[in-house]
Amino acid sequence: MNTPSLYQRLVDAGVQIESHYSDLHFPVTEASNIILAEYAADWTEEFGMTYNIPWMCPTFLNKVEGGLWRSAAGAYEPFWGASKKEVAISNETRDKG
């Protein structure tokens, strides 16, 4: 994609992000909704297909952080630069804590 990724847009805006392996998780807020809508519009224009937000970035109740969050499968970019072992250890440590 020639435009900034969803991950990069959220980081640049200072939105809290979490992950589970390659899945990007972020809270549903006014700011994150605007960022997601802009990203979806750019994605739709670039690929010529509709970025279906409820399907591609569904909400869930975050029992750890609290509140309603979204999950974007495969969108946590640091996962793709780290070894799978490093990510597994990080997730394992977080899940125990």
PDB file of N, CA and C in Angstrom:
ATOM      1  N   MET A   1       0.848  -1.181   0.000  1.00  0.00           N
ATOM      2  CA  MET A   1       0.000   0.000   0.000  1.00  0.00           C
ATOM      3  C   MET A   1       0.889   1.238   0.000  1.00  0.00           C
ATOM      4  N   ASN A   2       0.555   2.192  -0.824  1.00  0.00           N
ATOM      5  CA  ASN A   2       1.358   3.399  -0.930  1.00  0.00           C
ATOM      6  C   ASN A   2       1.065   4.402   0.182  1.00  0.00           C
ATOM      7  N   THR A   3      -0.089   4.280   0.808  1.00  0.00           N
ATOM      8  CA  THR A   3      -0.449   5.169   1.903  1.00  0.00           C
ATOM      9  C   THR A   3      -0.054   4.506   3.214  1.00  0.00           C
ATOM     10  N   PRO A   4       0.014   5.260   4.312  1.00  0.00           N
ATOM     11  CA  PRO A   4       0.410   4.659   5.590  1.00  0.00           C
ATOM     12  C   PRO A   4      -0.527   3.524   6.004  1.00  0.00           C
ATOM     13  N   SER A   5       0.055   2.531   6.633  1.00  0.00           N
ATOM     14  CA  SER A   5      -0.713   1.389   7.117  1.00  0.00           C
ATOM     15  C   SER A   5      -1.606   1.800   8.284  1.00  0.00           C
ATOM     16  N   LEU A   6      -2.560   0.956   8.600  1.00  0.00           N
ATOM     17  CA  LEU A   6      -3.415   1.201   9.759  1.00  0.00           C
ATOM     18  C   LEU A   6      -2.565   1.270  11.020  1.00  0.00           C
ATOM     19  N   TYR A   7      -1.630   0.353  11.162  1.00  0.00           N
ATOM     20  CA  TYR A   7      -0.730   0.348  12.319  1.00  0.00           C
ATOM     21  C   TYR A   7       0.001   1.686  12.439  1.00  0.00           C
ATOM     22  N   GLN A   8       0.608   2.143  11.345  1.00  0.00           N
ATOM     23  CA  GLN A   8       1.383   3.376  11.384  1.00  0.00           C
ATOM     24  C   GLN A   8       0.514   4.579  11.704  1.00  0.00           C
ATOM     25  N   ARG A   9      -0.683   4.626  11.164  1.00  0.00           N
ATOM     26  CA  ARG A   9      -1.592   5.734  11.442  1.00  0.00           C
ATOM     27  C   ARG A   9      -1.958   5.782  12.926  1.00  0.00           C
ATOM     28  N   LEU A  10      -2.235   4.627  13.503  1.00  0.00           N
ATOM     29  CA  LEU A  10      -2.600   4.577  14.925  1.00  0.00           C
ATOM     30  C   LEU A  10      -1.420   4.983  15.803  1.00  0.00           C
ATOM     31  N   VAL A  11      -0.229   4.490  15.478  1.00  0.00           N
ATOM     32  CA  VAL A  11       0.977   4.851  16.235  1.00  0.00           C
ATOM     33  C   VAL A  11       1.225   6.355  16.134  1.00  0.00           C
ATOM     34  N   ASP A  12       1.157   6.891  14.924  1.00  0.00           N
ATOM     35  CA  ASP A  12       1.403   8.327  14.720  1.00  0.00           C
ATOM     36  C   ASP A  12       0.416   9.189  15.503  1.00  0.00           C
ATOM     37  N   ALA A  13      -0.807   8.706  15.676  1.00  0.00           N
ATOM     38  CA  ALA A  13      -1.830   9.463  16.400  1.00  0.00           C
ATOM     39  C   ALA A  13      -1.768   9.241  17.908  1.00  0.00           C
ATOM     40  N   GLY A  14      -0.895   8.347  18.356  1.00  0.00           N
ATOM     41  CA  GLY A  14      -0.760   8.092  19.789  1.00  0.00           C
ATOM     42  C   GLY A  14      -1.860   7.215  20.360  1.00  0.00           C
ATOM     43  N   VAL A  15      -2.540   6.456  19.507  1.00  0.00           N
ATOM     44  CA  VAL A  15      -3.592   5.550  19.970  1.00  0.00           C
ATOM     45  C   VAL A  15      -2.928   4.341  20.648  1.00  0.00           C
ATOM     46  N   GLN A  16      -3.468   3.929  21.768  1.00  0.00           N
ATOM     47  CA  GLN A  16      -2.954   2.755  22.464  1.00  0.00           C
ATOM     48  C   GLN A  16      -3.131   1.531  21.578  1.00  0.00           C
ATOM     49  N   ILE A  17      -2.069   0.754  21.434  1.00  0.00           N
ATOM     50  CA  ILE A  17      -2.175  -0.474  20.671  1.00  0.00           C
ATOM     51  C   ILE A  17      -1.646  -1.640  21.477  1.00  0.00           C
ATOM     52  N   GLU A  18      -2.207  -2.780  21.223  1.00  0.00           N
ATOM     53  CA  GLU A  18      -1.771  -4.041  21.804  1.00  0.00           C
ATOM     54  C   GLU A  18      -1.751  -5.046  20.662  1.00  0.00           C
ATOM     55  N   SER A  19      -1.283  -6.247  20.943  1.00  0.00           N
ATOM     56  CA  SER A  19      -1.269  -7.255  19.894  1.00  0.00           C
ATOM     57  C   SER A  19      -1.439  -8.642  20.490  1.00  0.00           C
ATOM     58  N   HIS A  20      -1.829  -9.530  19.630  1.00  0.00           N
ATOM     59  CA  HIS A  20      -1.790 -10.967  19.914  1.00  0.00           C
ATOM     60  C   HIS A  20      -1.194 -11.585  18.673  1.00  0.00           C
ATOM     61  N   TYR A  21       0.096 -11.949  18.780  1.00  0.00           N
ATOM     62  CA  TYR A  21       0.861 -12.389  17.629  1.00  0.00           C
ATOM     63  C   TYR A  21       0.762 -11.328  16.537  1.00  0.00           C
ATOM     64  N   SER A  22       0.246 -11.649  15.350  1.00  0.00           N
ATOM     65  CA  SER A  22       0.230 -10.661  14.262  1.00  0.00           C
ATOM     66  C   SER A  22      -1.022  -9.792  14.257  1.00  0.00           C
ATOM     67  N   ASP A  23      -1.945 -10.044  15.166  1.00  0.00           N
ATOM     68  CA  ASP A  23      -3.191  -9.274  15.196  1.00  0.00           C
ATOM     69  C   ASP A  23      -3.018  -7.976  15.976  1.00  0.00           C
ATOM     70  N   LEU A  24      -3.437  -6.888  15.378  1.00  0.00           N
ATOM     71  CA  LEU A  24      -3.368  -5.558  15.972  1.00  0.00           C
ATOM     72  C   LEU A  24      -4.660  -5.293  16.741  1.00  0.00           C
ATOM     73  N   HIS A  25      -4.543  -4.890  17.982  1.00  0.00           N
ATOM     74  CA  HIS A  25      -5.703  -4.557  18.804  1.00  0.00           C
ATOM     75  C   HIS A  25      -5.598  -3.099  19.233  1.00  0.00           C
ATOM     76  N   PHE A  26      -6.729  -2.393  19.183  1.00  0.00           N
ATOM     77  CA  PHE A  26      -6.749  -0.995  19.611  1.00  0.00           C
ATOM     78  C   PHE A  26      -8.149  -0.642  20.102  1.00  0.00           C
ATOM     79  N   PRO A  27      -8.252   0.304  21.062  1.00  0.00           N
ATOM     80  CA  PRO A  27      -9.559   0.646  21.620  1.00  0.00           C
ATOM     81  C   PRO A  27     -10.437   1.406  20.627  1.00  0.00           C
ATOM     82  N   VAL A  28     -11.733   1.218  20.779  1.00  0.00           N
ATOM     83  CA  VAL A  28     -12.696   1.962  19.975  1.00  0.00           C
ATOM     84  C   VAL A  28     -12.869   3.331  20.632  1.00  0.00           C
ATOM     85  N   THR A  29     -12.373   4.356  19.961  1.00  0.00           N
ATOM     86  CA  THR A  29     -12.487   5.740  20.430  1.00  0.00           C
ATOM     87  C   THR A  29     -12.876   6.603  19.235  1.00  0.00           C
ATOM     88  N   GLU A  30     -13.199   7.831  19.504  1.00  0.00           N
ATOM     89  CA  GLU A  30     -13.520   8.743  18.402  1.00  0.00           C
ATOM     90  C   GLU A  30     -12.323   8.853  17.454  1.00  0.00           C
ATOM     91  N   ALA A  31     -11.123   8.994  18.029  1.00  0.00           N
ATOM     92  CA  ALA A  31      -9.923   9.122  17.201  1.00  0.00           C
ATOM     93  C   ALA A  31      -9.656   7.865  16.385  1.00  0.00           C
ATOM     94  N   SER A  32      -9.753   6.690  17.022  1.00  0.00           N
ATOM     95  CA  SER A  32      -9.465   5.460  16.280  1.00  0.00           C
ATOM     96  C   SER A  32     -10.527   5.188  15.222  1.00  0.00           C
ATOM     97  N   ASN A  33     -11.773   5.573  15.479  1.00  0.00           N
ATOM     98  CA  ASN A  33     -12.831   5.406  14.472  1.00  0.00           C
ATOM     99  C   ASN A  33     -12.565   6.265  13.238  1.00  0.00           C
ATOM    100  N   ILE A  34     -12.102   7.491  13.453  1.00  0.00           N
ATOM    101  CA  ILE A  34     -11.778   8.383  12.335  1.00  0.00           C
ATOM    102  C   ILE A  34     -10.603   7.814  11.535  1.00  0.00           C
ATOM    103  N   ILE A  35      -9.568   7.380  12.246  1.00  0.00           N
ATOM    104  CA  ILE A  35      -8.393   6.807  11.578  1.00  0.00           C
ATOM    105  C   ILE A  35      -8.790   5.577  10.770  1.00  0.00           C
ATOM    106  N   LEU A  36      -9.591   4.705  11.352  1.00  0.00           N
ATOM    107  CA  LEU A  36     -10.024   3.493  10.662  1.00  0.00           C
ATOM    108  C   LEU A  36     -10.869   3.827   9.434  1.00  0.00           C
ATOM    109  N   ALA A  37     -11.766   4.783   9.556  1.00  0.00           N
ATOM    110  CA  ALA A  37     -12.604   5.175   8.417  1.00  0.00           C
ATOM    111  C   ALA A  37     -11.751   5.748   7.279  1.00  0.00           C
ATOM    112  N   GLU A  38     -10.763   6.573   7.621  1.00  0.00           N
ATOM    113  CA  GLU A  38      -9.879   7.140   6.597  1.00  0.00           C
ATOM    114  C   GLU A  38      -9.035   6.047   5.948  1.00  0.00           C
ATOM    115  N   TYR A  39      -8.531   5.124   6.777  1.00  0.00           N
ATOM    116  CA  TYR A  39      -7.746   4.007   6.241  1.00  0.00           C
ATOM    117  C   TYR A  39      -8.601   3.147   5.307  1.00  0.00           C
ATOM    118  N   ALA A  40      -9.837   2.853   5.734  1.00  0.00           N
ATOM    119  CA  ALA A  40     -10.743   2.031   4.922  1.00  0.00           C
ATOM    120  C   ALA A  40     -11.026   2.702   3.579  1.00  0.00           C
ATOM    121  N   ALA A  41     -11.224   4.009   3.589  1.00  0.00           N
ATOM    122  CA  ALA A  41     -11.480   4.745   2.341  1.00  0.00           C
ATOM    123  C   ALA A  41     -10.264   4.682   1.420  1.00  0.00           C
ATOM    124  N   ASP A  42      -9.066   4.877   1.972  1.00  0.00           N
ATOM    125  CA  ASP A  42      -7.842   4.810   1.172  1.00  0.00           C
ATOM    126  C   ASP A  42      -7.627   3.400   0.620  1.00  0.00           C
ATOM    127  N   TRP A  43      -7.865   2.392   1.447  1.00  0.00           N
ATOM    128  CA  TRP A  43      -7.705   0.999   1.041  1.00  0.00           C
ATOM    129  C   TRP A  43      -8.674   0.656  -0.080  1.00  0.00           C
ATOM    130  N   THR A  44      -9.917   1.085   0.075  1.00  0.00           N
ATOM    131  CA  THR A  44     -10.949   0.831  -0.928  1.00  0.00           C
ATOM    132  C   THR A  44     -10.566   1.471  -2.264  1.00  0.00           C
ATOM    133  N   GLU A  45     -10.074   2.699  -2.207  1.00  0.00           N
ATOM    134  CA  GLU A  45      -9.663   3.401  -3.432  1.00  0.00           C
ATOM    135  C   GLU A  45      -8.482   2.704  -4.087  1.00  0.00           C
ATOM    136  N   GLU A  46      -7.503   2.298  -3.279  1.00  0.00           N
ATOM    137  CA  GLU A  46      -6.300   1.693  -3.840  1.00  0.00           C
ATOM    138  C   GLU A  46      -6.562   0.311  -4.441  1.00  0.00           C
ATOM    139  N   PHE A  47      -7.367  -0.499  -3.773  1.00  0.00           N
ATOM    140  CA  PHE A  47      -7.561  -1.880  -4.225  1.00  0.00           C
ATOM    141  C   PHE A  47      -8.847  -2.104  -5.010  1.00  0.00           C
ATOM    142  N   GLY A  48      -9.722  -1.110  -5.035  1.00  0.00           N
ATOM    143  CA  GLY A  48     -10.938  -1.237  -5.814  1.00  0.00           C
ATOM    144  C   GLY A  48     -11.958  -2.196  -5.223  1.00  0.00           C
ATOM    145  N   MET A  49     -11.784  -2.506  -3.949  1.00  0.00           N
ATOM    146  CA  MET A  49     -12.726  -3.371  -3.225  1.00  0.00           C
ATOM    147  C   MET A  49     -13.066  -2.673  -1.916  1.00  0.00           C
ATOM    148  N   THR A  50     -14.243  -2.910  -1.407  1.00  0.00           N
ATOM    149  CA  THR A  50     -14.666  -2.267  -0.166  1.00  0.00           C
ATOM    150  C   THR A  50     -13.952  -2.871   1.031  1.00  0.00           C
ATOM    151  N   TYR A  51     -13.375  -2.014   1.869  1.00  0.00           N
ATOM    152  CA  TYR A  51     -12.805  -2.445   3.147  1.00  0.00           C
ATOM    153  C   TYR A  51     -13.975  -2.498   4.114  1.00  0.00           C
ATOM    154  N   ASN A  52     -14.483  -3.683   4.358  1.00  0.00           N
ATOM    155  CA  ASN A  52     -15.650  -3.894   5.211  1.00  0.00           C
ATOM    156  C   ASN A  52     -15.189  -3.885   6.670  1.00  0.00           C
ATOM    157  N   ILE A  53     -15.363  -2.753   7.349  1.00  0.00           N
ATOM    158  CA  ILE A  53     -14.840  -2.587   8.708  1.00  0.00           C
ATOM    159  C   ILE A  53     -15.357  -3.657   9.675  1.00  0.00           C
ATOM    160  N   PRO A  54     -16.660  -3.939   9.740  1.00  0.00           N
ATOM    161  CA  PRO A  54     -17.111  -4.962  10.700  1.00  0.00           C
ATOM    162  C   PRO A  54     -16.502  -6.346  10.434  1.00  0.00           C
ATOM    163  N   TRP A  55     -16.222  -6.647   9.176  1.00  0.00           N
ATOM    164  CA  TRP A  55     -15.664  -7.946   8.830  1.00  0.00           C
ATOM    165  C   TRP A  55     -14.146  -7.969   9.007  1.00  0.00           C
ATOM    166  N   MET A  56     -13.462  -6.921   8.557  1.00  0.00           N
ATOM    167  CA  MET A  56     -12.000  -6.908   8.548  1.00  0.00           C
ATOM    168  C   MET A  56     -11.388  -6.366   9.831  1.00  0.00           C
ATOM    169  N   CYS A  57     -12.194  -5.725  10.645  1.00  0.00           N
ATOM    170  CA  CYS A  57     -11.685  -5.129  11.884  1.00  0.00           C
ATOM    171  C   CYS A  57     -12.792  -5.186  12.947  1.00  0.00           C
ATOM    172  N   PRO A  58     -13.198  -6.406  13.345  1.00  0.00           N
ATOM    173  CA  PRO A  58     -14.327  -6.548  14.268  1.00  0.00           C
ATOM    174  C   PRO A  58     -14.017  -6.050  15.674  1.00  0.00           C
ATOM    175  N   THR A  59     -15.077  -5.773  16.414  1.00  0.00           N
ATOM    176  CA  THR A  59     -14.928  -5.333  17.808  1.00  0.00           C
ATOM    177  C   THR A  59     -14.984  -6.531  18.743  1.00  0.00           C
ATOM    178  N   PHE A  60     -14.407  -6.334  19.928  1.00  0.00           N
ATOM    179  CA  PHE A  60     -14.472  -7.330  20.992  1.00  0.00           C
ATOM    180  C   PHE A  60     -14.367  -6.621  22.333  1.00  0.00           C
ATOM    181  N   LEU A  61     -14.820  -7.261  23.378  1.00  0.00           N
ATOM    182  CA  LEU A  61     -14.711  -6.711  24.727  1.00  0.00           C
ATOM    183  C   LEU A  61     -13.370  -7.130  25.300  1.00  0.00           C
ATOM    184  N   ASN A  62     -12.511  -6.155  25.559  1.00  0.00           N
ATOM    185  CA  ASN A  62     -11.188  -6.423  26.102  1.00  0.00           C
ATOM    186  C   ASN A  62     -11.304  -6.588  27.614  1.00  0.00           C
ATOM    187  N   LYS A  63     -11.156  -7.795  28.090  1.00  0.00           N
ATOM    188  CA  LYS A  63     -11.313  -8.086  29.517  1.00  0.00           C
ATOM    189  C   LYS A  63     -10.082  -7.707  30.323  1.00  0.00           C
ATOM    190  N   VAL A  64      -8.963  -7.467  29.670  1.00  0.00           N
ATOM    191  CA  VAL A  64      -7.736  -7.074  30.363  1.00  0.00           C
ATOM    192  C   VAL A  64      -7.654  -5.559  30.491  1.00  0.00           C
ATOM    193  N   GLU A  65      -7.728  -4.864  29.356  1.00  0.00           N
ATOM    194  CA  GLU A  65      -7.618  -3.405  29.340  1.00  0.00           C
ATOM    195  C   GLU A  65      -8.956  -2.734  29.635  1.00  0.00           C
ATOM    196  N   GLY A  66     -10.040  -3.451  29.362  1.00  0.00           N
ATOM    197  CA  GLY A  66     -11.381  -2.903  29.565  1.00  0.00           C
ATOM    198  C   GLY A  66     -11.886  -2.185  28.332  1.00  0.00           C
ATOM    199  N   GLY A  67     -13.181  -2.233  28.138  1.00  0.00           N
ATOM    200  CA  GLY A  67     -13.813  -1.497  27.054  1.00  0.00           C
ATOM    201  C   GLY A  67     -13.879  -2.259  25.748  1.00  0.00           C
ATOM    202  N   LEU A  68     -14.435  -1.587  24.761  1.00  0.00           N
ATOM    203  CA  LEU A  68     -14.603  -2.145  23.429  1.00  0.00           C
ATOM    204  C   LEU A  68     -13.357  -1.859  22.599  1.00  0.00           C
ATOM    205  N   TRP A  69     -12.823  -2.888  21.969  1.00  0.00           N
ATOM    206  CA  TRP A  69     -11.616  -2.780  21.153  1.00  0.00           C
ATOM    207  C   TRP A  69     -11.882  -3.356  19.783  1.00  0.00           C
ATOM    208  N   ARG A  70     -10.958  -3.126  18.856  1.00  0.00           N
ATOM    209  CA  ARG A  70     -11.014  -3.714  17.519  1.00  0.00           C
ATOM    210  C   ARG A  70      -9.793  -4.611  17.313  1.00  0.00           C
ATOM    211  N   SER A  71      -9.962  -5.590  16.457  1.00  0.00           N
ATOM    212  CA  SER A  71      -8.883  -6.511  16.105  1.00  0.00           C
ATOM    213  C   SER A  71      -8.706  -6.521  14.597  1.00  0.00           C
ATOM    214  N   ALA A  72      -7.507  -6.181  14.148  1.00  0.00           N
ATOM    215  CA  ALA A  72      -7.183  -6.200  12.716  1.00  0.00           C
ATOM    216  C   ALA A  72      -6.186  -7.328  12.479  1.00  0.00           C
ATOM    217  N   ALA A  73      -6.668  -8.398  11.887  1.00  0.00           N
ATOM    218  CA  ALA A  73      -5.835  -9.589  11.675  1.00  0.00           C
ATOM    219  C   ALA A  73      -4.627  -9.271  10.793  1.00  0.00           C
ATOM    220  N   GLY A  74      -3.459  -9.677  11.275  1.00  0.00           N
ATOM    221  CA  GLY A  74      -2.230  -9.528  10.512  1.00  0.00           C
ATOM    222  C   GLY A  74      -1.688  -8.126  10.399  1.00  0.00           C
ATOM    223  N   ALA A  75      -2.278  -7.157  11.101  1.00  0.00           N
ATOM    224  CA  ALA A  75      -1.897  -5.753  10.927  1.00  0.00           C
ATOM    225  C   ALA A  75      -0.865  -5.246  11.934  1.00  0.00           C
ATOM    226  N   TYR A  76      -0.421  -6.108  12.867  1.00  0.00           N
ATOM    227  CA  TYR A  76       0.584  -5.673  13.845  1.00  0.00           C
ATOM    228  C   TYR A  76       1.962  -5.820  13.201  1.00  0.00           C
ATOM    229  N   GLU A  77       2.455  -4.747  12.619  1.00  0.00           N
ATOM    230  CA  GLU A  77       3.667  -4.779  11.808  1.00  0.00           C
ATOM    231  C   GLU A  77       4.924  -5.263  12.528  1.00  0.00           C
ATOM    232  N   PRO A  78       5.146  -4.949  13.818  1.00  0.00           N
ATOM    233  CA  PRO A  78       6.356  -5.465  14.466  1.00  0.00           C
ATOM    234  C   PRO A  78       6.448  -6.992  14.463  1.00  0.00           C
ATOM    235  N   PHE A  79       5.323  -7.669  14.408  1.00  0.00           N
ATOM    236  CA  PHE A  79       5.341  -9.134  14.354  1.00  0.00           C
ATOM    237  C   PHE A  79       6.118  -9.626  13.145  1.00  0.00           C
ATOM    238  N   TRP A  80       5.942  -8.964  12.045  1.00  0.00           N
ATOM    239  CA  TRP A  80       6.543  -9.427  10.802  1.00  0.00           C
ATOM    240  C   TRP A  80       8.038  -9.154  10.749  1.00  0.00           C
ATOM    241  N   GLY A  81       8.535  -8.282  11.625  1.00  0.00           N
ATOM    242  CA  GLY A  81       9.970  -8.022  11.689  1.00  0.00           C
ATOM    243  C   GLY A  81      10.666  -8.822  12.776  1.00  0.00           C
ATOM    244  N   ALA A  82       9.912  -9.306  13.739  1.00  0.00           N
ATOM    245  CA  ALA A  82      10.474 -10.085  14.847  1.00  0.00           C
ATOM    246  C   ALA A  82      10.405 -11.569  14.510  1.00  0.00           C
ATOM    247  N   SER A  83      11.256 -12.316  15.173  1.00  0.00           N
ATOM    248  CA  SER A  83      11.165 -13.766  14.978  1.00  0.00           C
ATOM    249  C   SER A  83       9.916 -14.278  15.682  1.00  0.00           C
ATOM    250  N   LYS A  84       9.369 -15.360  15.191  1.00  0.00           N
ATOM    251  CA  LYS A  84       8.177 -15.927  15.804  1.00  0.00           C
ATOM    252  C   LYS A  84       8.451 -16.347  17.249  1.00  0.00           C
ATOM    253  N   LYS A  85       9.669 -16.757  17.539  1.00  0.00           N
ATOM    254  CA  LYS A  85      10.031 -17.149  18.910  1.00  0.00           C
ATOM    255  C   LYS A  85       9.949 -15.942  19.842  1.00  0.00           C
ATOM    256  N   GLU A  86      10.480 -14.799  19.410  1.00  0.00           N
ATOM    257  CA  GLU A  86      10.431 -13.582  20.234  1.00  0.00           C
ATOM    258  C   GLU A  86       8.993 -13.169  20.518  1.00  0.00           C
ATOM    259  N   VAL A  87       8.142 -13.229  19.521  1.00  0.00           N
ATOM    260  CA  VAL A  87       6.744 -12.850  19.691  1.00  0.00           C
ATOM    261  C   VAL A  87       6.027 -13.828  20.605  1.00  0.00           C
ATOM    262  N   ALA A  88       6.299 -15.118  20.454  1.00  0.00           N
ATOM    263  CA  ALA A  88       5.673 -16.136  21.297  1.00  0.00           C
ATOM    264  C   ALA A  88       6.057 -15.935  22.757  1.00  0.00           C
ATOM    265  N   ILE A  89       7.315 -15.632  23.018  1.00  0.00           N
ATOM    266  CA  ILE A  89       7.769 -15.388  24.390  1.00  0.00           C
ATOM    267  C   ILE A  89       7.093 -14.151  24.953  1.00  0.00           C
ATOM    268  N   SER A  90       7.010 -13.091  24.159  1.00  0.00           N
ATOM    269  CA  SER A  90       6.351 -11.860  24.590  1.00  0.00           C
ATOM    270  C   SER A  90       4.882 -12.111  24.926  1.00  0.00           C
ATOM    271  N   ASN A  91       4.175 -12.821  24.069  1.00  0.00           N
ATOM    272  CA  ASN A  91       2.754 -13.112  24.306  1.00  0.00           C
ATOM    273  C   ASN A  91       2.574 -14.040  25.504  1.00  0.00           C
ATOM    274  N   GLU A  92       3.463 -15.012  25.649  1.00  0.00           N
ATOM    275  CA  GLU A  92       3.390 -15.941  26.764  1.00  0.00           C
ATOM    276  C   GLU A  92       3.585 -15.213  28.085  1.00  0.00           C
ATOM    277  N   THR A  93       4.547 -14.316  28.133  1.00  0.00           N
ATOM    278  CA  THR A  93       4.820 -13.528  29.330  1.00  0.00           C
ATOM    279  C   THR A  93       3.619 -12.647  29.669  1.00  0.00           C
ATOM    280  N   ARG A  94       3.058 -11.976  28.665  1.00  0.00           N
ATOM    281  CA  ARG A  94       1.905 -11.111  28.876  1.00  0.00           C
ATOM    282  C   ARG A  94       0.710 -11.912  29.374  1.00  0.00           C
ATOM    283  N   ASP A  95       0.466 -13.075  28.773  1.00  0.00           N
ATOM    284  CA  ASP A  95      -0.696 -13.887  29.137  1.00  0.00           C
ATOM    285  C   ASP A  95      -0.606 -14.422  30.565  1.00  0.00           C
ATOM    286  N   LYS A  96       0.614 -14.625  31.074  1.00  0.00           N
ATOM    287  CA  LYS A  96       0.789 -15.121  32.447  1.00  0.00           C
ATOM    288  C   LYS A  96       0.588 -14.006  33.475  1.00  0.00           C
ATOM    289  N   GLY A  97       0.917 -12.770  33.054  1.00  0.00           N
ATOM    290  CA  GLY A  97       0.948 -11.634  33.969  1.00  0.00           C
ATOM    291  C   GLY A  97      -0.361 -11.145  34.365  1.00  0.00           C
TER     292      GLY A  97
END
